[in-house]
C-alpha atoms as a PDB file:
ATOM      1  CA  MET A   1       0.015   0.009  -0.013  1.00  0.00           C
ATOM      2  CA  ASN A   2       1.257   3.481  -0.798  1.00  0.00           C
ATOM      3  CA  TYR A   3       1.198   6.431   1.569  1.00  0.00           C
ATOM      4  CA  TYR A   4       1.420  10.178   0.955  1.00  0.00           C
ATOM      5  CA  VAL A   5       2.672  12.853   3.320  1.00  0.00           C
ATOM      6  CA  SER A   6       1.462  16.458   3.462  1.00  0.00           C
ATOM      7  CA  ARG A   7       3.520  19.237   4.972  1.00  0.00           C
ATOM      8  CA  ASP A   8       2.998  22.987   4.516  1.00  0.00           C
ATOM      9  CA  GLY A   9       0.546  22.452   1.673  1.00  0.00           C
ATOM     10  CA  GLN A  10       2.910  20.180  -0.301  1.00  0.00           C
ATOM     11  CA  GLN A  11       2.173  16.535  -0.923  1.00  0.00           C
ATOM     12  CA  TYR A  12       5.000  13.992  -1.056  1.00  0.00           C
ATOM     13  CA  GLY A  13       5.069  10.312  -1.935  1.00  0.00           C
ATOM     14  CA  PRO A  14       4.135   7.656  -2.594  1.00  0.00           C
ATOM     15  CA  TYR A  15       5.979   5.883   0.194  1.00  0.00           C
ATOM     16  CA  SER A  16       5.741   2.382   1.580  1.00  0.00           C
ATOM     17  CA  LEU A  17       4.991   1.879   5.282  1.00  0.00           C
ATOM     18  CA  ALA A  18       8.632   0.885   5.798  1.00  0.00           C
ATOM     19  CA  ASP A  19       9.696   4.170   4.105  1.00  0.00           C
ATOM     20  CA  LEU A  20       7.453   6.162   6.481  1.00  0.00           C
ATOM     21  CA  GLN A  21       8.902   4.377   9.509  1.00  0.00           C
ATOM     22  CA  ARG A  22      12.472   4.918   8.312  1.00  0.00           C
ATOM     23  CA  TYR A  23      11.963   8.582   7.454  1.00  0.00           C
ATOM     24  CA  LEU A  24      10.228   9.174  10.793  1.00  0.00           C
ATOM     25  CA  ALA A  25      13.137   7.508  12.675  1.00  0.00           C
ATOM     26  CA  GLN A  26      15.639   9.644  10.689  1.00  0.00           C
ATOM     27  CA  GLY A  27      13.707  12.840  11.436  1.00  0.00           C
ATOM     28  CA  ASN A  28      12.837  13.542   7.789  1.00  0.00           C
ATOM     29  CA  ILE A  29       9.143  13.157   8.567  1.00  0.00           C
ATOM     30  CA  GLN A  30       7.641  14.532  11.798  1.00  0.00           C
ATOM     31  CA  PRO A  31       5.097  12.552  13.855  1.00  0.00           C
ATOM     32  CA  THR A  32       2.685  15.480  13.424  1.00  0.00           C
ATOM     33  CA  ASP A  33       2.976  15.631   9.616  1.00  0.00           C
ATOM     34  CA  LEU A  34      -0.231  14.504   7.939  1.00  0.00           C
ATOM     35  CA  ALA A  35      -0.385  11.305   5.943  1.00  0.00           C
ATOM     36  CA  ARG A  36      -2.901   9.110   4.210  1.00  0.00           C
ATOM     37  CA  SER A  37      -2.930   5.865   2.315  1.00  0.00           C
ATOM     38  CA  GLU A  38      -4.709   5.098  -0.889  1.00  0.00           C
ATOM     39  CA  ALA A  39      -7.409   3.459   1.250  1.00  0.00           C
ATOM     40  CA  LEU A  40      -7.879   6.453   3.591  1.00  0.00           C
ATOM     41  CA  GLU A  41     -10.070   9.353   2.666  1.00  0.00           C
ATOM     42  CA  GLN A  42      -8.824  11.659   5.420  1.00  0.00           C
ATOM     43  CA  TRP A  43      -5.366  12.812   6.399  1.00  0.00           C
ATOM     44  CA  LEU A  44      -4.061  11.605   9.764  1.00  0.00           C
ATOM     45  CA  PRO A  45      -0.986  12.419  11.753  1.00  0.00           C
ATOM     46  CA  VAL A  46       1.879  10.149  10.701  1.00  0.00           C
ATOM     47  CA  HIS A  47       2.187   8.707  14.209  1.00  0.00           C
ATOM     48  CA  GLN A  48      -1.364   7.316  13.918  1.00  0.00           C
ATOM     49  CA  ILE A  49      -0.424   5.460  10.744  1.00  0.00           C
ATOM     50  CA  VAL A  50       2.960   4.019  11.668  1.00  0.00           C
ATOM     51  CA  GLY A  51       2.077   3.345  15.296  1.00  0.00           C
ATOM     52  CA  ASN A  52       4.530   3.441  18.122  1.00  0.00           C
ATOM     53  CA  ILE A  53       7.997   2.852  16.759  1.00  0.00           C
ATOM     54  CA  ASP A  54      11.184   3.544  18.618  1.00  0.00           C
ATOM     55  CA  ILE A  55      12.427   6.878  17.310  1.00  0.00           C
ATOM     56  CA  GLN A  56      16.094   7.309  18.195  1.00  0.00           C
ATOM     57  CA  GLN A  57      18.304  10.225  17.477  1.00  0.00           C
ATOM     58  CA  ALA A  58      21.323   9.578  15.320  1.00  0.00           C
ATOM     59  CA  PRO A  59      24.440   9.162  17.462  1.00  0.00           C
ATOM     60  CA  PRO A  60      26.706  12.212  17.613  1.00  0.00           C
ATOM     61  CA  PRO A  61      29.724  12.086  15.301  1.00  0.00           C
ATOM     62  CA  GLN A  62      32.715  10.414  16.823  1.00  0.00           C
ATOM     63  CA  LEU A  63      35.387  13.126  17.196  1.00  0.00           C
ATOM     64  CA  TRP A  64      37.670  11.632  19.821  1.00  0.00           C
ATOM     65  CA  PRO A  65      39.835   9.620  19.957  1.00  0.00           C
ATOM     66  CA  VAL A  66      41.286  10.167  16.551  1.00  0.00           C
ATOM     67  CA  PRO A  67      43.108   7.039  15.360  1.00  0.00           C
ATOM     68  CA  VAL A  68      46.827   7.459  14.979  1.00  0.00           C
ATOM     69  CA  TYR A  69      48.561   5.436  12.336  1.00  0.00           C
ATOM     70  CA  ALA A  70      52.237   4.661  12.523  1.00  0.00           C
ATOM     71  CA  GLN A  71      54.221   5.664   9.465  1.00  0.00           C
ATOM     72  CA  ASP A  72      57.055   3.455   8.275  1.00  0.00           C
END
């Protein structure tokens, strides 16, 4: 099934449910963005469509320790 996302009057998609979950986890889609499937007539918040998934922030970039390589 395909899903569409609406934000600020723009419609995006189609996306699979797995795409929605991945984009939500990555922060590309917000839980409050509106979405609908081909089977839905009304727009719903994304979090109502994808359910409760574990949304984790990306880990901060690893700055230290910097690997040191021996030169011959």
